[in-house]
């Protein structure tokens, strides 16, 4: 849905909520800055590996890799998925990713690897090198 604002056309999206009605946390707030217990660590790795699979399968085009644009939703207790809430699309004049699947796949891999690199650098306690290697798209 679109709305007219004082800054021009705006887009309205659903609010991402968890099963308990609370607003889902963005990935920056979801990821711990210190090494969590083994069970939490395994849950985070599973969430990220599933996100990788979805992101690359759908060839999602994003403008940048700001992890605050990724919400970690818990739609059912103990079930998690990542939802992209902003900067979807491409800023280029001729958006080849919309017409050619190879271009979309190339861009999705490129941006996914940027996300992984940023996470590995900024959350090294949660994303060790061996997980970063598993997360990278080849």
N, C-alpha and C. Protein backbone atom coordinates (compact mmCIF):
# COMPACT_ATOMS: atom_id res chain seq x y z
N UNK A 1 0.85 -1.16 0.00
CA UNK A 1 0.00 0.00 0.00
C UNK A 1 0.90 1.23 0.00
N UNK A 2 0.46 2.26 -0.63
CA UNK A 2 1.21 3.51 -0.66
C UNK A 2 0.41 4.62 0.03
N UNK A 3 1.13 5.59 0.53
CA UNK A 3 0.52 6.78 1.13
C UNK A 3 1.30 8.00 0.69
N UNK A 4 0.62 9.11 0.57
CA UNK A 4 1.28 10.37 0.23
C UNK A 4 1.76 11.01 1.53
N UNK A 5 3.03 11.41 1.57
CA UNK A 5 3.58 12.06 2.75
C UNK A 5 4.10 13.44 2.36
N UNK A 6 4.55 14.22 3.32
CA UNK A 6 5.12 15.53 3.01
C UNK A 6 6.45 15.41 2.28
N UNK A 7 7.03 14.19 2.23
CA UNK A 7 8.28 13.95 1.51
C UNK A 7 8.06 13.18 0.21
N UNK A 8 6.83 12.97 -0.15
CA UNK A 8 6.53 12.22 -1.38
C UNK A 8 5.83 10.92 -1.06
N UNK A 9 5.84 10.03 -2.03
CA UNK A 9 5.16 8.74 -1.90
C UNK A 9 5.86 7.85 -0.88
N UNK A 10 5.09 7.24 0.01
CA UNK A 10 5.64 6.33 1.00
C UNK A 10 4.98 4.98 0.89
N UNK A 11 5.65 3.95 1.32
CA UNK A 11 5.13 2.58 1.26
C UNK A 11 4.85 2.09 2.67
N UNK A 12 3.73 1.42 2.83
CA UNK A 12 3.33 0.89 4.13
C UNK A 12 3.44 -0.62 4.08
N UNK A 13 4.13 -1.18 5.06
CA UNK A 13 4.31 -2.62 5.15
C UNK A 13 3.75 -3.10 6.48
N UNK A 14 3.57 -4.40 6.59
CA UNK A 14 3.08 -4.96 7.83
C UNK A 14 4.12 -4.80 8.93
N UNK A 15 3.65 -4.72 10.13
CA UNK A 15 4.54 -4.69 11.30
C UNK A 15 4.88 -6.14 11.62
N UNK A 16 6.16 -6.44 11.77
CA UNK A 16 6.60 -7.81 12.00
C UNK A 16 6.50 -8.10 13.50
N UNK A 17 5.61 -9.05 13.82
CA UNK A 17 5.33 -9.38 15.21
C UNK A 17 5.67 -10.84 15.50
N UNK A 18 6.04 -11.10 16.76
CA UNK A 18 6.25 -12.46 17.23
C UNK A 18 4.90 -13.05 17.64
N UNK A 19 4.89 -14.32 17.96
CA UNK A 19 3.66 -15.02 18.33
C UNK A 19 2.96 -14.39 19.53
N UNK A 20 3.74 -13.73 20.40
CA UNK A 20 3.17 -13.15 21.62
C UNK A 20 2.69 -11.71 21.43
N UNK A 21 2.72 -11.22 20.17
CA UNK A 21 2.24 -9.88 19.88
C UNK A 21 3.30 -8.79 20.01
N UNK A 22 4.48 -9.14 20.47
CA UNK A 22 5.56 -8.16 20.59
C UNK A 22 6.23 -7.96 19.24
N UNK A 23 6.77 -6.76 19.04
CA UNK A 23 7.49 -6.47 17.81
C UNK A 23 8.76 -7.31 17.74
N UNK A 24 8.98 -7.96 16.62
CA UNK A 24 10.18 -8.77 16.42
C UNK A 24 11.41 -7.86 16.53
N UNK A 25 12.52 -8.46 16.91
CA UNK A 25 13.77 -7.69 17.04
C UNK A 25 14.52 -7.71 15.71
N UNK A 26 15.18 -6.59 15.41
CA UNK A 26 16.05 -6.62 14.24
C UNK A 26 17.28 -7.45 14.58
N UNK A 27 18.00 -7.86 13.55
CA UNK A 27 19.12 -8.78 13.76
C UNK A 27 20.19 -8.19 14.66
N UNK A 28 20.38 -6.89 14.60
CA UNK A 28 21.39 -6.25 15.44
C UNK A 28 21.03 -6.40 16.92
N UNK A 29 19.75 -6.29 17.25
CA UNK A 29 19.31 -6.45 18.64
C UNK A 29 19.18 -7.92 19.02
N UNK A 30 18.96 -8.78 18.03
CA UNK A 30 18.79 -10.20 18.29
C UNK A 30 20.12 -10.89 18.61
N UNK A 31 21.17 -10.54 17.88
CA UNK A 31 22.46 -11.21 18.05
C UNK A 31 23.17 -10.73 19.30
N UNK A 32 23.64 -11.65 20.14
CA UNK A 32 24.37 -11.24 21.34
C UNK A 32 25.79 -10.77 20.99
N UNK A 33 26.32 -9.90 21.81
CA UNK A 33 27.68 -9.39 21.57
C UNK A 33 28.73 -10.23 22.28
N UNK A 34 28.29 -11.08 23.20
CA UNK A 34 29.22 -12.01 23.87
C UNK A 34 28.80 -13.43 23.51
N UNK A 35 29.72 -14.36 23.67
CA UNK A 35 29.42 -15.75 23.29
C UNK A 35 28.31 -16.31 24.17
N UNK A 36 27.20 -16.73 23.55
CA UNK A 36 26.09 -17.30 24.33
C UNK A 36 26.32 -18.77 24.64
N UNK A 37 25.39 -19.36 25.38
CA UNK A 37 25.48 -20.79 25.68
C UNK A 37 25.34 -21.59 24.38
N UNK A 38 25.71 -22.86 24.43
CA UNK A 38 25.75 -23.71 23.23
C UNK A 38 24.39 -23.83 22.55
N UNK A 39 23.32 -23.92 23.31
CA UNK A 39 21.98 -24.07 22.73
C UNK A 39 21.57 -22.81 21.96
N UNK A 40 21.81 -21.65 22.55
CA UNK A 40 21.49 -20.38 21.89
C UNK A 40 22.35 -20.22 20.65
N UNK A 41 23.62 -20.56 20.74
CA UNK A 41 24.53 -20.46 19.60
C UNK A 41 24.04 -21.34 18.45
N UNK A 42 23.63 -22.56 18.76
CA UNK A 42 23.12 -23.47 17.73
C UNK A 42 21.85 -22.90 17.09
N UNK A 43 20.98 -22.31 17.88
CA UNK A 43 19.75 -21.71 17.35
C UNK A 43 20.09 -20.56 16.40
N UNK A 44 21.04 -19.72 16.78
CA UNK A 44 21.45 -18.59 15.92
C UNK A 44 22.02 -19.11 14.62
N UNK A 45 22.87 -20.12 14.68
CA UNK A 45 23.48 -20.68 13.46
C UNK A 45 22.40 -21.25 12.55
N UNK A 46 21.42 -21.94 13.12
CA UNK A 46 20.34 -22.50 12.32
C UNK A 46 19.53 -21.39 11.65
N UNK A 47 19.24 -20.33 12.39
CA UNK A 47 18.51 -19.19 11.82
C UNK A 47 19.28 -18.60 10.65
N UNK A 48 20.58 -18.41 10.82
CA UNK A 48 21.39 -17.80 9.75
C UNK A 48 21.52 -18.73 8.54
N UNK A 49 21.68 -20.02 8.77
CA UNK A 49 21.77 -20.95 7.64
C UNK A 49 20.44 -21.03 6.88
N UNK A 50 19.33 -20.98 7.60
CA UNK A 50 18.02 -20.96 6.94
C UNK A 50 17.82 -19.65 6.17
N UNK A 51 18.27 -18.55 6.75
CA UNK A 51 18.17 -17.25 6.07
C UNK A 51 19.00 -17.28 4.79
N UNK A 52 20.18 -17.85 4.86
CA UNK A 52 21.02 -17.97 3.66
C UNK A 52 20.27 -18.73 2.57
N UNK A 53 19.70 -19.86 2.94
CA UNK A 53 18.99 -20.69 1.97
C UNK A 53 17.84 -19.91 1.32
N UNK A 54 17.04 -19.24 2.13
CA UNK A 54 15.92 -18.45 1.59
C UNK A 54 16.40 -17.29 0.73
N UNK A 55 17.40 -16.57 1.21
CA UNK A 55 17.92 -15.39 0.52
C UNK A 55 18.44 -15.76 -0.86
N UNK A 56 19.23 -16.83 -0.93
CA UNK A 56 19.83 -17.22 -2.21
C UNK A 56 18.83 -17.95 -3.11
N UNK A 57 17.90 -18.68 -2.53
CA UNK A 57 16.88 -19.37 -3.34
C UNK A 57 15.97 -18.35 -4.02
N UNK A 58 15.64 -17.29 -3.31
CA UNK A 58 14.73 -16.27 -3.85
C UNK A 58 15.47 -15.18 -4.64
N UNK A 59 16.81 -15.21 -4.65
CA UNK A 59 17.60 -14.18 -5.34
C UNK A 59 17.16 -12.79 -4.94
N UNK A 60 17.15 -12.54 -3.66
CA UNK A 60 16.64 -11.27 -3.14
C UNK A 60 17.62 -10.14 -3.46
N UNK A 61 17.08 -9.08 -4.02
CA UNK A 61 17.88 -7.89 -4.34
C UNK A 61 17.71 -6.89 -3.20
N UNK A 62 18.82 -6.47 -2.62
CA UNK A 62 18.79 -5.45 -1.56
C UNK A 62 19.72 -4.32 -1.93
N UNK A 63 19.47 -3.17 -1.35
CA UNK A 63 20.26 -1.98 -1.64
C UNK A 63 21.55 -1.95 -0.82
N UNK A 64 21.46 -2.37 0.44
CA UNK A 64 22.66 -2.39 1.29
C UNK A 64 22.55 -3.54 2.28
N UNK A 65 23.56 -3.69 3.09
CA UNK A 65 23.65 -4.85 3.99
C UNK A 65 23.44 -4.48 5.46
N UNK A 66 22.72 -3.42 5.73
CA UNK A 66 22.46 -3.00 7.10
C UNK A 66 21.58 -4.04 7.79
N UNK A 67 22.11 -4.69 8.83
CA UNK A 67 21.37 -5.79 9.46
C UNK A 67 20.17 -5.32 10.27
N UNK A 68 20.01 -4.02 10.46
CA UNK A 68 18.79 -3.55 11.12
C UNK A 68 17.59 -3.66 10.18
N UNK A 69 17.83 -3.97 8.91
CA UNK A 69 16.74 -4.19 7.96
C UNK A 69 16.24 -5.63 7.97
N UNK A 70 16.84 -6.47 8.79
CA UNK A 70 16.46 -7.88 8.89
C UNK A 70 15.85 -8.12 10.27
N UNK A 71 14.58 -8.49 10.29
CA UNK A 71 13.89 -8.77 11.54
C UNK A 71 13.90 -10.28 11.79
N UNK A 72 14.22 -10.68 13.01
CA UNK A 72 14.17 -12.09 13.39
C UNK A 72 12.82 -12.31 14.08
N UNK A 73 11.93 -12.96 13.36
CA UNK A 73 10.57 -13.18 13.84
C UNK A 73 10.43 -14.57 14.45
N UNK A 74 9.68 -14.65 15.53
CA UNK A 74 9.35 -15.93 16.16
C UNK A 74 7.83 -16.12 16.01
N UNK A 75 7.38 -16.64 14.85
CA UNK A 75 5.94 -16.77 14.62
C UNK A 75 5.27 -17.82 15.51
N UNK A 76 6.03 -18.81 15.96
CA UNK A 76 5.57 -19.83 16.91
C UNK A 76 6.68 -20.01 17.92
N UNK A 77 6.37 -20.42 19.13
CA UNK A 77 7.44 -20.61 20.12
C UNK A 77 8.54 -21.54 19.61
N UNK A 78 9.77 -21.04 19.62
CA UNK A 78 10.92 -21.83 19.20
C UNK A 78 11.13 -21.92 17.70
N UNK A 79 10.28 -21.28 16.91
CA UNK A 79 10.41 -21.28 15.44
C UNK A 79 10.78 -19.86 15.02
N UNK A 80 11.86 -19.74 14.25
CA UNK A 80 12.36 -18.42 13.85
C UNK A 80 12.49 -18.32 12.34
N UNK A 81 12.30 -17.10 11.84
CA UNK A 81 12.60 -16.81 10.44
C UNK A 81 13.01 -15.35 10.35
N UNK A 82 13.78 -15.05 9.32
CA UNK A 82 14.26 -13.69 9.12
C UNK A 82 13.40 -13.04 8.05
N UNK A 83 12.95 -11.83 8.33
CA UNK A 83 12.13 -11.06 7.40
C UNK A 83 12.89 -9.79 7.03
N UNK A 84 12.95 -9.47 5.77
CA UNK A 84 13.60 -8.24 5.30
C UNK A 84 12.54 -7.16 5.27
N UNK A 85 12.81 -6.03 5.93
CA UNK A 85 11.79 -5.00 6.08
C UNK A 85 12.12 -3.68 5.38
N UNK A 86 13.32 -3.53 4.85
CA UNK A 86 13.66 -2.26 4.20
C UNK A 86 14.82 -2.47 3.23
N UNK A 87 14.97 -1.53 2.32
CA UNK A 87 16.05 -1.52 1.32
C UNK A 87 16.01 -2.72 0.38
N UNK A 88 14.80 -3.14 0.03
CA UNK A 88 14.64 -4.19 -0.96
C UNK A 88 14.60 -3.53 -2.33
N UNK A 89 15.31 -4.11 -3.27
CA UNK A 89 15.33 -3.56 -4.62
C UNK A 89 16.75 -3.29 -5.05
N UNK A 90 16.87 -2.48 -6.06
CA UNK A 90 18.18 -2.13 -6.58
C UNK A 90 18.20 -0.66 -6.97
N UNK A 91 19.27 0.05 -6.65
CA UNK A 91 19.32 1.49 -6.94
C UNK A 91 19.81 1.84 -8.35
N UNK A 92 20.06 0.84 -9.18
CA UNK A 92 20.65 1.11 -10.49
C UNK A 92 19.60 1.58 -11.49
N UNK A 93 20.05 2.31 -12.50
CA UNK A 93 19.16 2.86 -13.51
C UNK A 93 18.52 1.76 -14.36
N UNK A 94 19.29 0.76 -14.74
CA UNK A 94 18.78 -0.35 -15.53
C UNK A 94 18.85 -1.60 -14.63
N UNK A 95 17.73 -1.98 -14.01
CA UNK A 95 17.73 -3.06 -13.03
C UNK A 95 17.70 -4.45 -13.69
N UNK A 96 18.85 -4.92 -14.13
CA UNK A 96 18.94 -6.21 -14.80
C UNK A 96 18.48 -7.36 -13.90
N UNK A 97 18.59 -7.17 -12.59
CA UNK A 97 18.20 -8.24 -11.67
C UNK A 97 16.71 -8.55 -11.74
N UNK A 98 15.92 -7.63 -12.30
CA UNK A 98 14.49 -7.87 -12.42
C UNK A 98 14.15 -8.68 -13.68
N UNK A 99 15.07 -8.71 -14.63
CA UNK A 99 14.78 -9.36 -15.90
C UNK A 99 15.61 -10.62 -16.16
N UNK A 100 16.76 -10.73 -15.53
CA UNK A 100 17.66 -11.85 -15.81
C UNK A 100 18.00 -12.57 -14.51
N UNK A 101 17.65 -13.85 -14.46
CA UNK A 101 17.88 -14.61 -13.25
C UNK A 101 19.36 -14.72 -12.90
N UNK A 102 20.23 -14.84 -13.91
CA UNK A 102 21.67 -14.93 -13.61
C UNK A 102 22.17 -13.66 -12.93
N UNK A 103 21.63 -12.50 -13.34
CA UNK A 103 22.03 -11.23 -12.73
C UNK A 103 21.51 -11.15 -11.29
N UNK A 104 20.28 -11.62 -11.08
CA UNK A 104 19.70 -11.61 -9.73
C UNK A 104 20.49 -12.55 -8.81
N UNK A 105 20.84 -13.73 -9.31
CA UNK A 105 21.60 -14.70 -8.51
C UNK A 105 22.98 -14.14 -8.18
N UNK A 106 23.63 -13.51 -9.15
CA UNK A 106 24.95 -12.93 -8.93
C UNK A 106 24.89 -11.85 -7.86
N UNK A 107 23.88 -10.96 -7.96
CA UNK A 107 23.78 -9.87 -6.99
C UNK A 107 23.42 -10.42 -5.61
N UNK A 108 22.52 -11.40 -5.54
CA UNK A 108 22.15 -11.97 -4.25
C UNK A 108 23.37 -12.57 -3.56
N UNK A 109 24.18 -13.33 -4.29
CA UNK A 109 25.39 -13.93 -3.71
C UNK A 109 26.37 -12.85 -3.25
N UNK A 110 26.54 -11.85 -4.08
CA UNK A 110 27.47 -10.76 -3.75
C UNK A 110 27.06 -10.07 -2.45
N UNK A 111 25.79 -9.71 -2.34
CA UNK A 111 25.33 -9.02 -1.14
C UNK A 111 25.27 -9.96 0.06
N UNK A 112 24.91 -11.21 -0.17
CA UNK A 112 24.91 -12.17 0.94
C UNK A 112 26.32 -12.29 1.53
N UNK A 113 27.32 -12.39 0.69
CA UNK A 113 28.69 -12.51 1.18
C UNK A 113 29.13 -11.25 1.92
N UNK A 114 28.62 -10.11 1.52
CA UNK A 114 28.92 -8.87 2.27
C UNK A 114 28.31 -8.93 3.66
N UNK A 115 27.09 -9.44 3.74
CA UNK A 115 26.43 -9.59 5.04
C UNK A 115 27.25 -10.52 5.93
N UNK A 116 27.66 -11.66 5.39
CA UNK A 116 28.44 -12.64 6.17
C UNK A 116 29.75 -12.02 6.64
N UNK A 117 30.45 -11.33 5.78
CA UNK A 117 31.71 -10.68 6.15
C UNK A 117 31.49 -9.69 7.28
N UNK A 118 30.45 -8.87 7.18
CA UNK A 118 30.16 -7.89 8.22
C UNK A 118 29.84 -8.59 9.53
N UNK A 119 29.01 -9.63 9.48
CA UNK A 119 28.65 -10.36 10.70
C UNK A 119 29.89 -11.01 11.34
N UNK A 120 30.74 -11.62 10.52
CA UNK A 120 31.94 -12.28 11.05
C UNK A 120 32.88 -11.27 11.70
N UNK A 121 32.96 -10.07 11.15
CA UNK A 121 33.84 -9.04 11.73
C UNK A 121 33.26 -8.43 12.99
N UNK A 122 31.95 -8.25 13.04
CA UNK A 122 31.32 -7.52 14.14
C UNK A 122 30.72 -8.42 15.23
N UNK A 123 30.55 -9.69 14.94
CA UNK A 123 29.99 -10.64 15.90
C UNK A 123 30.86 -11.89 15.93
N UNK A 124 32.14 -11.71 16.11
CA UNK A 124 33.08 -12.83 16.06
C UNK A 124 32.84 -13.87 17.15
N UNK A 125 32.23 -13.48 18.25
CA UNK A 125 31.91 -14.43 19.32
C UNK A 125 30.76 -15.35 18.93
N UNK A 126 29.94 -14.90 17.99
CA UNK A 126 28.77 -15.66 17.56
C UNK A 126 28.99 -16.31 16.20
N UNK A 127 29.75 -15.64 15.34
CA UNK A 127 30.02 -16.13 13.99
C UNK A 127 31.52 -16.42 13.86
N UNK A 128 31.95 -17.60 14.31
CA UNK A 128 33.37 -17.95 14.19
C UNK A 128 33.72 -18.22 12.73
N UNK A 129 35.01 -18.25 12.40
CA UNK A 129 35.42 -18.44 10.99
C UNK A 129 34.82 -19.67 10.33
N UNK A 130 34.67 -20.79 11.06
CA UNK A 130 34.12 -21.99 10.43
C UNK A 130 32.65 -21.81 10.04
N UNK A 131 31.88 -21.05 10.84
CA UNK A 131 30.49 -20.78 10.46
C UNK A 131 30.45 -19.79 9.31
N UNK A 132 31.31 -18.78 9.36
CA UNK A 132 31.36 -17.81 8.26
C UNK A 132 31.63 -18.52 6.94
N UNK A 133 32.52 -19.50 6.97
CA UNK A 133 32.81 -20.27 5.76
C UNK A 133 31.58 -21.02 5.27
N UNK A 134 30.81 -21.59 6.19
CA UNK A 134 29.57 -22.30 5.82
C UNK A 134 28.52 -21.35 5.28
N UNK A 135 28.51 -20.14 5.80
CA UNK A 135 27.49 -19.16 5.40
C UNK A 135 27.79 -18.54 4.03
N UNK A 136 29.05 -18.45 3.67
CA UNK A 136 29.39 -17.79 2.40
C UNK A 136 28.82 -18.54 1.22
N UNK A 137 28.34 -17.76 0.24
CA UNK A 137 27.81 -18.33 -0.99
C UNK A 137 28.97 -18.53 -1.96
N UNK A 138 28.97 -19.66 -2.65
CA UNK A 138 30.03 -19.93 -3.64
C UNK A 138 29.49 -19.88 -5.05
